[in-house]
Amino acid sequence: MLVALLAHLAICLAQPEGTTPARPAPASPPPQSPTAQPAAAGVTGEAATAEELLDRLERAGNDLAALTAQVKYTRVLSGIEGQETQTRQGDLYFEAMDAGQSPTAEPRRRFAVHFDQLRLGQERRPEDRWFIFDGQWLVEKDGLARQLNKRRVVPPGEVADPLRLGEGPFPLPIGQARRDILARYRATLLDPRQDWPGDQPFPAYMADTYQLHLVAHPDRPDTGEFREVRIWYRKADLLPRLARTINTDGTSTEVLLINLKTFAAAAGTAAPDNHPIPPGVFDTSAPTGWNVHVDEFRRPVDEKQGEPGIPAGPRPDQGR
């Protein structure tokens, strides 16, 4: 199941100055791609409970080797002057490099996100920001500033899974065990229209979805920044469409995936059929003439209170 698609973005993004407070605009219906290859749900009939849905989501990602999508990431911050809305748009790439090799082996997963557009209220700005995680290192590449920041977020010799709910600001579930989620969150299956924001009409393309509502257990320190998570999955293929969160700092986020495509591994190999990811997407090297900053691993102070994992770090909208 696709859970927490990004590890905490450990490198800060600049907080833009002079923003105009605004309410988040309703998400427009995403276009459908005729070439998408949806993942099979694996079980017929509709899920009746959150636990049953989590079971199906866990199995639905077993054969996933690669995933691509356009991503729209909106964060609403509240301050003295009111609400401020920041929306970033770009492309997301995910790859399970060992998928299909062994039924008992855990695939090593990596992701890359490229943001090329930033919207602050009614103002739009170009961006060229890459966030890349290769299993150990989290890298930010800022093409406009010609700056590369590289941070080891996993101890040397170990490999972490970036798709873990609570370890990133993008809660888009794939492949996490049901027991792991239920240990950290109280899960409820809701009607897709329930608690939809009153100032936004419920879109028709969301009608045939499951809404999974997760509330963090107050006695678990390892649920990350999420206090409450709502994720809508398409019933036809159990792919995530939309996620909304309420965070412990009072902010809220929305992640919308558009033209999402999944690719299974070719028989007997770890490579997906018709590999969809362009060359160089996961390149963490710095072009000639760039400034480079490297941080080695630093173990979280409160690691003994919860399960070891990727240390918390700034989100895409936080300032340096």
C-alpha atoms as a PDB file:
ATOM      1  CA  MET A   1       0.000   0.000   0.000  1.00  0.00           C
ATOM      2  CA  LEU A   2       1.295   3.493  -0.785  1.00  0.00           C
ATOM      3  CA  VAL A   3       1.835   5.093   2.699  1.00  0.00           C
ATOM      4  CA  ALA A   4       3.819   8.307   3.353  1.00  0.00           C
ATOM      5  CA  LEU A   5       5.416   8.749  -0.022  1.00  0.00           C
ATOM      6  CA  LEU A   6       8.155  11.144   1.079  1.00  0.00           C
ATOM      7  CA  ALA A   7      10.491  10.935   4.031  1.00  0.00           C
ATOM      8  CA  HIS A   8      10.706  14.176   6.037  1.00  0.00           C
ATOM      9  CA  LEU A   9      12.355  16.674   3.690  1.00  0.00           C
ATOM     10  CA  ALA A  10      15.453  17.273   5.756  1.00  0.00           C
ATOM     11  CA  ILE A  11      16.671  20.221   3.721  1.00  0.00           C
ATOM     12  CA  CYS A  12      14.785  23.530   4.065  1.00  0.00           C
ATOM     13  CA  LEU A  13      13.078  25.302   1.213  1.00  0.00           C
ATOM     14  CA  ALA A  14      13.140  29.087   1.296  1.00  0.00           C
ATOM     15  CA  GLN A  15      10.066  30.685   2.863  1.00  0.00           C
ATOM     16  CA  PRO A  16       8.924  33.284   0.294  1.00  0.00           C
ATOM     17  CA  GLU A  17       8.440  36.846   1.446  1.00  0.00           C
ATOM     18  CA  GLY A  18       5.421  39.050   0.870  1.00  0.00           C
ATOM     19  CA  THR A  19       2.838  36.325   0.462  1.00  0.00           C
ATOM     20  CA  THR A  20      -0.867  37.079   0.207  1.00  0.00           C
ATOM     21  CA  PRO A  21      -3.214  35.130   2.533  1.00  0.00           C
ATOM     22  CA  ALA A  22      -5.758  33.098   0.596  1.00  0.00           C
ATOM     23  CA  ARG A  23      -8.068  30.137   0.976  1.00  0.00           C
ATOM     24  CA  PRO A  24      -7.129  26.942  -0.881  1.00  0.00           C
ATOM     25  CA  ALA A  25      -8.809  26.707  -4.272  1.00  0.00           C
ATOM     26  CA  PRO A  26     -10.928  23.623  -5.031  1.00  0.00           C
ATOM     27  CA  ALA A  27      -9.001  20.887  -6.765  1.00  0.00           C
ATOM     28  CA  SER A  28      -9.931  20.610 -10.424  1.00  0.00           C
ATOM     29  CA  PRO A  29     -10.820  17.168 -11.834  1.00  0.00           C
ATOM     30  CA  PRO A  30      -7.568  15.523 -12.904  1.00  0.00           C
ATOM     31  CA  PRO A  31      -7.368  14.329 -16.510  1.00  0.00           C
ATOM     32  CA  GLN A  32      -7.195  10.597 -17.020  1.00  0.00           C
ATOM     33  CA  SER A  33      -4.335   9.054 -18.916  1.00  0.00           C
ATOM     34  CA  PRO A  34      -5.262   6.311 -21.410  1.00  0.00           C
ATOM     35  CA  THR A  35      -1.838   4.697 -20.926  1.00  0.00           C
ATOM     36  CA  ALA A  36      -2.068   4.270 -17.166  1.00  0.00           C
ATOM     37  CA  GLN A  37      -1.409   0.764 -15.899  1.00  0.00           C
ATOM     38  CA  PRO A  38      -3.397   0.442 -12.637  1.00  0.00           C
ATOM     39  CA  ALA A  39      -2.394  -1.937  -9.884  1.00  0.00           C
ATOM     40  CA  ALA A  40      -4.824  -4.789  -9.318  1.00  0.00           C
ATOM     41  CA  ALA A  41      -6.784  -4.719  -6.073  1.00  0.00           C
ATOM     42  CA  GLY A  42      -6.314  -8.453  -5.568  1.00  0.00           C
ATOM     43  CA  VAL A  43      -9.689  -8.967  -3.870  1.00  0.00           C
ATOM     44  CA  THR A  44     -13.168  -8.727  -5.389  1.00  0.00           C
ATOM     45  CA  GLY A  45     -16.032  -6.886  -3.733  1.00  0.00           C
ATOM     46  CA  GLU A  46     -15.955  -3.695  -1.693  1.00  0.00           C
ATOM     47  CA  ALA A  47     -14.148  -3.372   1.621  1.00  0.00           C
ATOM     48  CA  ALA A  48     -16.581  -3.069   4.529  1.00  0.00           C
ATOM     49  CA  THR A  49     -14.180  -1.943   7.285  1.00  0.00           C
ATOM     50  CA  ALA A  50     -10.954   0.027   7.628  1.00  0.00           C
ATOM     51  CA  GLU A  51      -9.084  -3.133   8.609  1.00  0.00           C
ATOM     52  CA  GLU A  52     -10.256  -4.929   5.465  1.00  0.00           C
ATOM     53  CA  LEU A  53      -9.232  -1.974   3.304  1.00  0.00           C
ATOM     54  CA  LEU A  54      -5.789  -1.867   4.948  1.00  0.00           C
ATOM     55  CA  ASP A  55      -5.361  -5.578   4.206  1.00  0.00           C
ATOM     56  CA  ARG A  56      -6.141  -5.030   0.546  1.00  0.00           C
ATOM     57  CA  LEU A  57      -3.901  -1.962   0.303  1.00  0.00           C
ATOM     58  CA  GLU A  58      -0.998  -3.911   1.800  1.00  0.00           C
ATOM     59  CA  ARG A  59      -1.322  -6.649  -0.828  1.00  0.00           C
ATOM     60  CA  ALA A  60      -2.072  -4.288  -3.723  1.00  0.00           C
ATOM     61  CA  GLY A  61       1.491  -2.952  -3.728  1.00  0.00           C
ATOM     62  CA  ASN A  62       3.279  -6.321  -3.731  1.00  0.00           C
ATOM     63  CA  ASP A  63       4.170  -6.235  -7.429  1.00  0.00           C
ATOM     64  CA  LEU A  64       4.744  -2.500  -7.736  1.00  0.00           C
ATOM     65  CA  ALA A  65       8.093  -1.759  -9.376  1.00  0.00           C
ATOM     66  CA  ALA A  66       7.626   1.877 -10.390  1.00  0.00           C
ATOM     67  CA  LEU A  67       5.162   4.705 -10.123  1.00  0.00           C
ATOM     68  CA  THR A  68       4.880   8.106 -11.792  1.00  0.00           C
ATOM     69  CA  ALA A  69       2.412  10.948 -11.254  1.00  0.00           C
ATOM     70  CA  GLN A  70       1.929  14.654 -11.405  1.00  0.00           C
ATOM     71  CA  VAL A  71       1.671  16.028  -7.870  1.00  0.00           C
ATOM     72  CA  LYS A  72      -0.049  19.090  -6.463  1.00  0.00           C
ATOM     73  CA  TYR A  73       1.041  19.850  -2.895  1.00  0.00           C
ATOM     74  CA  THR A  74      -0.886  22.536  -0.994  1.00  0.00           C
ATOM     75  CA  ARG A  75      -0.132  23.699   2.522  1.00  0.00           C
ATOM     76  CA  VAL A  76      -2.265  26.131   4.524  1.00  0.00           C
ATOM     77  CA  LEU A  77      -0.548  28.029   7.325  1.00  0.00           C
ATOM     78  CA  SER A  78      -2.318  30.214   9.892  1.00  0.00           C
ATOM     79  CA  GLY A  79      -0.709  33.359  11.277  1.00  0.00           C
ATOM     80  CA  ILE A  80      -1.466  36.725  12.793  1.00  0.00           C
ATOM     81  CA  GLU A  81      -2.504  38.123   9.413  1.00  0.00           C
ATOM     82  CA  GLY A  82      -4.704  35.156   8.558  1.00  0.00           C
ATOM     83  CA  GLN A  83      -4.243  32.117   6.376  1.00  0.00           C
ATOM     84  CA  GLU A  84      -1.457  31.722   3.857  1.00  0.00           C
ATOM     85  CA  THR A  85      -1.698  29.118   1.111  1.00  0.00           C
ATOM     86  CA  GLN A  86       1.328  27.703  -0.678  1.00  0.00           C
ATOM     87  CA  THR A  87       0.866  25.329  -3.608  1.00  0.00           C
ATOM     88  CA  ARG A  88       3.659  23.504  -5.383  1.00  0.00           C
ATOM     89  CA  GLN A  89       3.236  21.467  -8.541  1.00  0.00           C
ATOM     90  CA  GLY A  90       5.522  19.031 -10.279  1.00  0.00           C
ATOM     91  CA  ASP A  91       6.256  15.382 -10.970  1.00  0.00           C
ATOM     92  CA  LEU A  92       6.803  12.409  -8.705  1.00  0.00           C
ATOM     93  CA  TYR A  93       8.810   9.244  -9.439  1.00  0.00           C
ATOM     94  CA  PHE A  94       9.054   6.103  -7.310  1.00  0.00           C
ATOM     95  CA  GLU A  95      10.980   2.880  -7.840  1.00  0.00           C
ATOM     96  CA  ALA A  96      11.247  -0.380  -5.898  1.00  0.00           C
ATOM     97  CA  MET A  97      14.598  -1.539  -7.182  1.00  0.00           C
ATOM     98  CA  ASP A  98      14.380  -5.153  -5.948  1.00  0.00           C
ATOM     99  CA  ALA A  99      10.710  -5.767  -6.709  1.00  0.00           C
ATOM    100  CA  GLY A 100      10.010  -9.234  -8.048  1.00  0.00           C
ATOM    101  CA  GLN A 101      13.358 -10.712  -7.010  1.00  0.00           C
ATOM    102  CA  SER A 102      12.369 -12.682  -3.926  1.00  0.00           C
ATOM    103  CA  PRO A 103       9.053 -13.062  -2.101  1.00  0.00           C
ATOM    104  CA  THR A 104      10.835 -12.749   1.261  1.00  0.00           C
ATOM    105  CA  ALA A 105      13.185  -9.887   0.419  1.00  0.00           C
ATOM    106  CA  GLU A 106      12.185  -6.282   1.132  1.00  0.00           C
ATOM    107  CA  PRO A 107      12.549  -4.067  -1.932  1.00  0.00           C
ATOM    108  CA  ARG A 108      14.847  -1.105  -1.644  1.00  0.00           C
ATOM    109  CA  ARG A 109      12.753   1.935  -2.456  1.00  0.00           C
ATOM    110  CA  ARG A 110      13.691   5.359  -3.705  1.00  0.00           C
ATOM    111  CA  PHE A 111      11.793   8.411  -4.848  1.00  0.00           C
ATOM    112  CA  ALA A 112      12.302  11.746  -6.563  1.00  0.00           C
ATOM    113  CA  VAL A 113      10.030  14.768  -6.694  1.00  0.00           C
ATOM    114  CA  HIS A 114      10.577  17.721  -9.013  1.00  0.00           C
ATOM    115  CA  PHE A 115       8.702  20.935  -8.247  1.00  0.00           C
ATOM    116  CA  ASP A 116       8.631  23.380 -11.150  1.00  0.00           C
ATOM    117  CA  GLN A 117       5.897  25.776 -10.053  1.00  0.00           C
ATOM    118  CA  LEU A 118       5.049  27.644  -6.846  1.00  0.00           C
ATOM    119  CA  ARG A 119       1.824  29.545  -6.244  1.00  0.00           C
ATOM    120  CA  LEU A 120       1.443  32.016  -3.353  1.00  0.00           C
ATOM    121  CA  GLY A 121      -2.123  33.276  -3.278  1.00  0.00           C
ATOM    122  CA  GLN A 122      -2.640  34.546  -6.826  1.00  0.00           C
ATOM    123  CA  GLU A 123       1.071  34.896  -7.552  1.00  0.00           C
ATOM    124  CA  ARG A 124       2.918  32.212  -9.510  1.00  0.00           C
ATOM    125  CA  ARG A 125       6.673  31.674  -9.471  1.00  0.00           C
ATOM    126  CA  PRO A 126       8.879  29.203 -11.355  1.00  0.00           C
ATOM    127  CA  GLU A 127      10.846  26.645  -9.345  1.00  0.00           C
ATOM    128  CA  ASP A 128      13.459  24.024 -10.129  1.00  0.00           C
ATOM    129  CA  ARG A 129      13.606  21.970  -6.925  1.00  0.00           C
ATOM    130  CA  TRP A 130      14.438  18.264  -6.783  1.00  0.00           C
ATOM    131  CA  PHE A 131      14.047  16.117  -3.662  1.00  0.00           C
ATOM    132  CA  ILE A 132      15.656  12.697  -4.037  1.00  0.00           C
ATOM    133  CA  PHE A 133      15.870   9.843  -1.523  1.00  0.00           C
ATOM    134  CA  ASP A 134      17.973   6.784  -2.442  1.00  0.00           C
ATOM    135  CA  GLY A 135      17.465   4.680   0.704  1.00  0.00           C
ATOM    136  CA  GLN A 136      20.147   6.427   2.768  1.00  0.00           C
ATOM    137  CA  TRP A 137      20.663   9.964   1.492  1.00  0.00           C
ATOM    138  CA  LEU A 138      18.123  12.760   1.110  1.00  0.00           C
ATOM    139  CA  VAL A 139      19.181  15.326  -1.464  1.00  0.00           C
ATOM    140  CA  GLU A 140      17.770  18.718  -2.403  1.00  0.00           C
ATOM    141  CA  LYS A 141      18.865  20.198  -5.719  1.00  0.00           C
ATOM    142  CA  ASP A 142      17.908  23.819  -6.360  1.00  0.00           C
ATOM    143  CA  GLY A 143      18.543  24.611 -10.006  1.00  0.00           C
ATOM    144  CA  LEU A 144      17.744  28.324  -9.667  1.00  0.00           C
ATOM    145  CA  ALA A 145      20.157  28.826  -6.751  1.00  0.00           C
ATOM    146  CA  ARG A 146      22.684  26.249  -8.083  1.00  0.00           C
ATOM    147  CA  GLN A 147      22.770  24.678  -4.617  1.00  0.00           C
ATOM    148  CA  LEU A 148      22.879  20.981  -3.624  1.00  0.00           C
ATOM    149  CA  ASN A 149      22.236  19.935  -0.013  1.00  0.00           C
ATOM    150  CA  LYS A 150      22.848  16.299   0.855  1.00  0.00           C
ATOM    151  CA  ARG A 151      21.981  14.698   4.191  1.00  0.00           C
ATOM    152  CA  ARG A 152      22.397  11.100   5.303  1.00  0.00           C
ATOM    153  CA  VAL A 153      19.128  10.321   7.115  1.00  0.00           C
ATOM    154  CA  VAL A 154      19.739   6.593   7.697  1.00  0.00           C
ATOM    155  CA  PRO A 155      22.672   5.070   9.639  1.00  0.00           C
ATOM    156  CA  PRO A 156      25.532   3.823   7.443  1.00  0.00           C
ATOM    157  CA  GLY A 157      24.955   0.226   6.375  1.00  0.00           C
ATOM    158  CA  GLU A 158      21.173   0.413   6.853  1.00  0.00           C
ATOM    159  CA  VAL A 159      18.391   1.094   4.366  1.00  0.00           C
ATOM    160  CA  ALA A 160      15.101   2.808   5.224  1.00  0.00           C
ATOM    161  CA  ASP A 161      11.715   2.680   3.549  1.00  0.00           C
ATOM    162  CA  PRO A 162      10.543   6.192   2.621  1.00  0.00           C
ATOM    163  CA  LEU A 163       6.937   5.016   2.259  1.00  0.00           C
ATOM    164  CA  ARG A 164       6.141   4.916   5.946  1.00  0.00           C
ATOM    165  CA  LEU A 165       3.233   6.841   7.422  1.00  0.00           C
ATOM    166  CA  GLY A 166       4.442   9.414   9.948  1.00  0.00           C
ATOM    167  CA  GLU A 167       7.910   9.846   8.481  1.00  0.00           C
ATOM    168  CA  GLY A 168       7.023  12.397   5.824  1.00  0.00           C
ATOM    169  CA  PRO A 169       4.672  15.230   4.987  1.00  0.00           C
ATOM    170  CA  PHE A 170       3.166  13.436   1.962  1.00  0.00           C
ATOM    171  CA  PRO A 171       0.809  10.759   3.323  1.00  0.00           C
ATOM    172  CA  LEU A 172       0.150   8.692   0.197  1.00  0.00           C
ATOM    173  CA  PRO A 173       0.122   5.015   1.272  1.00  0.00           C
ATOM    174  CA  ILE A 174       1.867   1.952  -0.643  1.00  0.00           C
ATOM    175  CA  GLY A 175       3.076  -1.284   0.954  1.00  0.00           C
ATOM    176  CA  GLN A 176       2.905  -0.706   4.698  1.00  0.00           C
ATOM    177  CA  ALA A 177       1.654  -3.500   6.936  1.00  0.00           C
ATOM    178  CA  ARG A 178      -1.814  -3.116   8.406  1.00  0.00           C
ATOM    179  CA  ARG A 179      -0.555  -3.904  11.908  1.00  0.00           C
ATOM    180  CA  ASP A 180       2.040  -1.138  11.662  1.00  0.00           C
ATOM    181  CA  ILE A 181      -0.576   1.483  10.782  1.00  0.00           C
ATOM    182  CA  LEU A 182      -3.072   0.314  13.420  1.00  0.00           C
ATOM    183  CA  ALA A 183      -0.353   0.413  16.069  1.00  0.00           C
ATOM    184  CA  ARG A 184       0.099   4.118  15.404  1.00  0.00           C
ATOM    185  CA  TYR A 185      -3.339   5.271  14.263  1.00  0.00           C
ATOM    186  CA  ARG A 186      -7.025   4.653  14.879  1.00  0.00           C
ATOM    187  CA  ALA A 187      -8.523   3.812  11.472  1.00  0.00           C
ATOM    188  CA  THR A 188     -12.099   4.340  10.278  1.00  0.00           C
ATOM    189  CA  LEU A 189     -13.679   3.782   6.854  1.00  0.00           C
ATOM    190  CA  LEU A 190     -15.929   6.723   5.928  1.00  0.00           C
ATOM    191  CA  ASP A 191     -18.233   7.704   3.095  1.00  0.00           C
ATOM    192  CA  PRO A 192     -16.117   9.679   0.605  1.00  0.00           C
ATOM    193  CA  ARG A 193     -18.337  12.758   1.039  1.00  0.00           C
ATOM    194  CA  GLN A 194     -18.169  12.804   4.842  1.00  0.00           C
ATOM    195  CA  ASP A 195     -16.508  15.893   6.346  1.00  0.00           C
ATOM    196  CA  TRP A 196     -15.657  17.296   2.916  1.00  0.00           C
ATOM    197  CA  PRO A 197     -14.813  21.013   3.387  1.00  0.00           C
ATOM    198  CA  GLY A 198     -18.015  23.038   3.161  1.00  0.00           C
ATOM    199  CA  ASP A 199     -16.485  25.751   0.965  1.00  0.00           C
ATOM    200  CA  GLN A 200     -15.462  23.227  -1.694  1.00  0.00           C
ATOM    201  CA  PRO A 201     -17.967  21.236  -3.802  1.00  0.00           C
ATOM    202  CA  PHE A 202     -17.476  17.489  -3.736  1.00  0.00           C
ATOM    203  CA  PRO A 203     -16.023  16.586  -7.169  1.00  0.00           C
ATOM    204  CA  ALA A 204     -17.644  13.876  -9.260  1.00  0.00           C
ATOM    205  CA  TYR A 205     -14.325  12.096  -9.875  1.00  0.00           C
ATOM    206  CA  MET A 206     -14.068  11.400  -6.109  1.00  0.00           C
ATOM    207  CA  ALA A 207     -17.432   9.621  -5.868  1.00  0.00           C
ATOM    208  CA  ASP A 208     -16.166   6.072  -6.494  1.00  0.00           C
ATOM    209  CA  THR A 209     -13.511   6.128  -3.754  1.00  0.00           C
ATOM    210  CA  TYR A 210     -12.862   4.886  -0.251  1.00  0.00           C
ATOM    211  CA  GLN A 211     -12.121   7.458   2.434  1.00  0.00           C
ATOM    212  CA  LEU A 212      -9.697   6.151   5.067  1.00  0.00           C
ATOM    213  CA  HIS A 213      -9.613   8.291   8.203  1.00  0.00           C
ATOM    214  CA  LEU A 214      -6.606   7.924  10.504  1.00  0.00           C
ATOM    215  CA  VAL A 215      -6.197   9.599  13.908  1.00  0.00           C
ATOM    216  CA  ALA A 216      -2.849   9.377  15.693  1.00  0.00           C
ATOM    217  CA  HIS A 217      -2.760   7.530  19.013  1.00  0.00           C
ATOM    218  CA  PRO A 218      -1.773  10.154  21.625  1.00  0.00           C
ATOM    219  CA  ASP A 219       0.633   7.762  23.366  1.00  0.00           C
ATOM    220  CA  ARG A 220       2.706   7.038  20.244  1.00  0.00           C
ATOM    221  CA  PRO A 221       5.684   9.386  19.668  1.00  0.00           C
ATOM    222  CA  ASP A 222       6.446   7.917  16.231  1.00  0.00           C
ATOM    223  CA  THR A 223       3.451   9.201  14.251  1.00  0.00           C
ATOM    224  CA  GLY A 224       5.438  12.150  12.923  1.00  0.00           C
ATOM    225  CA  GLU A 225       3.768  15.497  12.347  1.00  0.00           C
ATOM    226  CA  PHE A 226       0.341  14.074  11.472  1.00  0.00           C
ATOM    227  CA  ARG A 227      -2.496  14.456  13.959  1.00  0.00           C
ATOM    228  CA  GLU A 228      -5.195  13.382  11.513  1.00  0.00           C
ATOM    229  CA  VAL A 229      -4.993  11.927   7.997  1.00  0.00           C
ATOM    230  CA  ARG A 230      -7.696  11.396   5.377  1.00  0.00           C
ATOM    231  CA  ILE A 231      -6.835   9.446   2.223  1.00  0.00           C
ATOM    232  CA  TRP A 232      -9.156   8.768  -0.700  1.00  0.00           C
ATOM    233  CA  TYR A 233      -8.468   5.614  -2.759  1.00  0.00           C
ATOM    234  CA  ARG A 234     -10.056   4.720  -6.077  1.00  0.00           C
ATOM    235  CA  LYS A 235     -12.158   1.596  -5.603  1.00  0.00           C
ATOM    236  CA  ALA A 236     -11.288   0.263  -9.054  1.00  0.00           C
ATOM    237  CA  ASP A 237      -7.564  -0.172  -8.428  1.00  0.00           C
ATOM    238  CA  LEU A 238      -6.878   0.981  -4.826  1.00  0.00           C
ATOM    239  CA  LEU A 239      -4.603   3.761  -6.022  1.00  0.00           C
ATOM    240  CA  PRO A 240      -4.501   6.923  -3.896  1.00  0.00           C
ATOM    241  CA  ARG A 241      -6.202   9.966  -5.383  1.00  0.00           C
ATOM    242  CA  LEU A 242      -6.084  12.581  -2.633  1.00  0.00           C
ATOM    243  CA  ALA A 243      -4.743  12.979   0.906  1.00  0.00           C
ATOM    244  CA  ARG A 244      -5.468  15.663   3.467  1.00  0.00           C
ATOM    245  CA  THR A 245      -3.848  16.086   6.845  1.00  0.00           C
ATOM    246  CA  ILE A 246      -4.190  18.143   9.989  1.00  0.00           C
ATOM    247  CA  ASN A 247      -0.762  18.515  11.528  1.00  0.00           C
ATOM    248  CA  THR A 248       0.479  18.886  15.076  1.00  0.00           C
ATOM    249  CA  ASP A 249       1.644  22.456  14.385  1.00  0.00           C
ATOM    250  CA  GLY A 250      -1.855  23.563  13.365  1.00  0.00           C
ATOM    251  CA  THR A 251      -1.182  23.616   9.632  1.00  0.00           C
ATOM    252  CA  SER A 252      -2.983  21.477   7.070  1.00  0.00           C
ATOM    253  CA  THR A 253      -1.852  19.890   3.812  1.00  0.00           C
ATOM    254  CA  GLU A 254      -3.436  18.474   0.682  1.00  0.00           C
ATOM    255  CA  VAL A 255      -1.711  16.170  -1.814  1.00  0.00           C
ATOM    256  CA  LEU A 256      -3.424  15.449  -5.125  1.00  0.00           C
ATOM    257  CA  LEU A 257      -2.039  12.882  -7.579  1.00  0.00           C
ATOM    258  CA  ILE A 258      -2.870  13.351 -11.265  1.00  0.00           C
ATOM    259  CA  ASN A 259      -2.237  10.934 -14.143  1.00  0.00           C
ATOM    260  CA  LEU A 260      -0.933   8.335 -11.722  1.00  0.00           C
ATOM    261  CA  LYS A 261       0.583   5.298 -13.440  1.00  0.00           C
ATOM    262  CA  THR A 262       1.999   2.132 -11.905  1.00  0.00           C
ATOM    263  CA  PHE A 263       4.318  -0.436 -13.465  1.00  0.00           C
ATOM    264  CA  ALA A 264       4.846  -4.041 -12.396  1.00  0.00           C
ATOM    265  CA  ALA A 265       8.190  -5.835 -12.606  1.00  0.00           C
ATOM    266  CA  ALA A 266       8.922  -7.884 -15.692  1.00  0.00           C
ATOM    267  CA  ALA A 267       8.841 -11.638 -15.022  1.00  0.00           C
ATOM    268  CA  GLY A 268      11.960 -12.809 -13.158  1.00  0.00           C
ATOM    269  CA  THR A 269      13.505  -9.361 -12.938  1.00  0.00           C
ATOM    270  CA  ALA A 270      13.496  -6.300 -10.710  1.00  0.00           C
ATOM    271  CA  ALA A 271      12.955  -3.924 -13.639  1.00  0.00           C
ATOM    272  CA  PRO A 272       9.483  -2.721 -14.626  1.00  0.00           C
ATOM    273  CA  ASP A 273       8.131  -3.355 -18.104  1.00  0.00           C
ATOM    274  CA  ASN A 274       8.467  -0.288 -20.365  1.00  0.00           C
ATOM    275  CA  HIS A 275      10.487   1.576 -17.729  1.00  0.00           C
ATOM    276  CA  PRO A 276       8.659   4.893 -17.210  1.00  0.00           C
ATOM    277  CA  ILE A 277      11.324   6.865 -15.332  1.00  0.00           C
ATOM    278  CA  PRO A 278      13.616   9.112 -17.410  1.00  0.00           C
ATOM    279  CA  PRO A 279      17.400   8.695 -17.032  1.00  0.00           C
ATOM    280  CA  GLY A 280      18.981  10.886 -14.381  1.00  0.00           C
ATOM    281  CA  VAL A 281      15.904  11.313 -12.204  1.00  0.00           C
ATOM    282  CA  PHE A 282      17.651   9.772  -9.186  1.00  0.00           C
ATOM    283  CA  ASP A 283      21.023  11.446  -9.847  1.00  0.00           C
ATOM    284  CA  THR A 284      22.274  13.009  -6.603  1.00  0.00           C
ATOM    285  CA  SER A 285      25.513  14.471  -7.987  1.00  0.00           C
ATOM    286  CA  ALA A 286      26.083  18.218  -8.307  1.00  0.00           C
ATOM    287  CA  PRO A 287      26.635  19.835 -11.701  1.00  0.00           C
ATOM    288  CA  THR A 288      29.912  21.674 -12.192  1.00  0.00           C
ATOM    289  CA  GLY A 289      29.998  25.079 -10.510  1.00  0.00           C
ATOM    290  CA  TRP A 290      27.295  24.375  -7.926  1.00  0.00           C
ATOM    291  CA  ASN A 291      27.617  24.928  -4.175  1.00  0.00           C
ATOM    292  CA  VAL A 292      27.477  21.661  -2.217  1.00  0.00           C
ATOM    293  CA  HIS A 293      26.738  21.026   1.470  1.00  0.00           C
ATOM    294  CA  VAL A 294      26.892  17.517   2.997  1.00  0.00           C
ATOM    295  CA  ASP A 295      25.655  16.439   6.459  1.00  0.00           C
ATOM    296  CA  GLU A 296      26.461  13.008   7.868  1.00  0.00           C
ATOM    297  CA  PHE A 297      23.970  10.990   9.900  1.00  0.00           C
ATOM    298  CA  ARG A 298      22.868  12.305  13.285  1.00  0.00           C
ATOM    299  CA  ARG A 299      20.776   9.978  15.428  1.00  0.00           C
ATOM    300  CA  PRO A 300      17.505  11.484  16.729  1.00  0.00           C
ATOM    301  CA  VAL A 301      17.587  12.342  20.422  1.00  0.00           C
ATOM    302  CA  ASP A 302      14.185  10.738  21.160  1.00  0.00           C
ATOM    303  CA  GLU A 303      14.798   7.536  19.166  1.00  0.00           C
ATOM    304  CA  LYS A 304      14.363   5.344  22.282  1.00  0.00           C
ATOM    305  CA  GLN A 305      10.752   6.517  22.626  1.00  0.00           C
ATOM    306  CA  GLY A 306       9.706   5.043  19.318  1.00  0.00           C
ATOM    307  CA  GLU A 307      10.834   2.884  16.457  1.00  0.00           C
ATOM    308  CA  PRO A 308      14.057   4.001  14.751  1.00  0.00           C
ATOM    309  CA  GLY A 309      13.394   5.708  11.479  1.00  0.00           C
ATOM    310  CA  ILE A 310      14.130   8.669   9.295  1.00  0.00           C
ATOM    311  CA  PRO A 311      14.825  11.741  11.467  1.00  0.00           C
ATOM    312  CA  ALA A 312      12.284  14.530  11.273  1.00  0.00           C
ATOM    313  CA  GLY A 313      13.198  17.450   9.071  1.00  0.00           C
ATOM    314  CA  PRO A 314      11.756  20.609   7.508  1.00  0.00           C
ATOM    315  CA  ARG A 315       8.927  20.440   4.999  1.00  0.00           C
ATOM    316  CA  PRO A 316       8.983  21.921   1.478  1.00  0.00           C
ATOM    317  CA  ASP A 317       7.363  25.154   2.672  1.00  0.00           C
ATOM    318  CA  GLN A 318       9.688  25.874   5.600  1.00  0.00           C
ATOM    319  CA  GLY A 319      12.342  28.556   5.509  1.00  0.00           C
ATOM    320  CA  ARG A 320      16.043  28.015   5.947  1.00  0.00           C
END
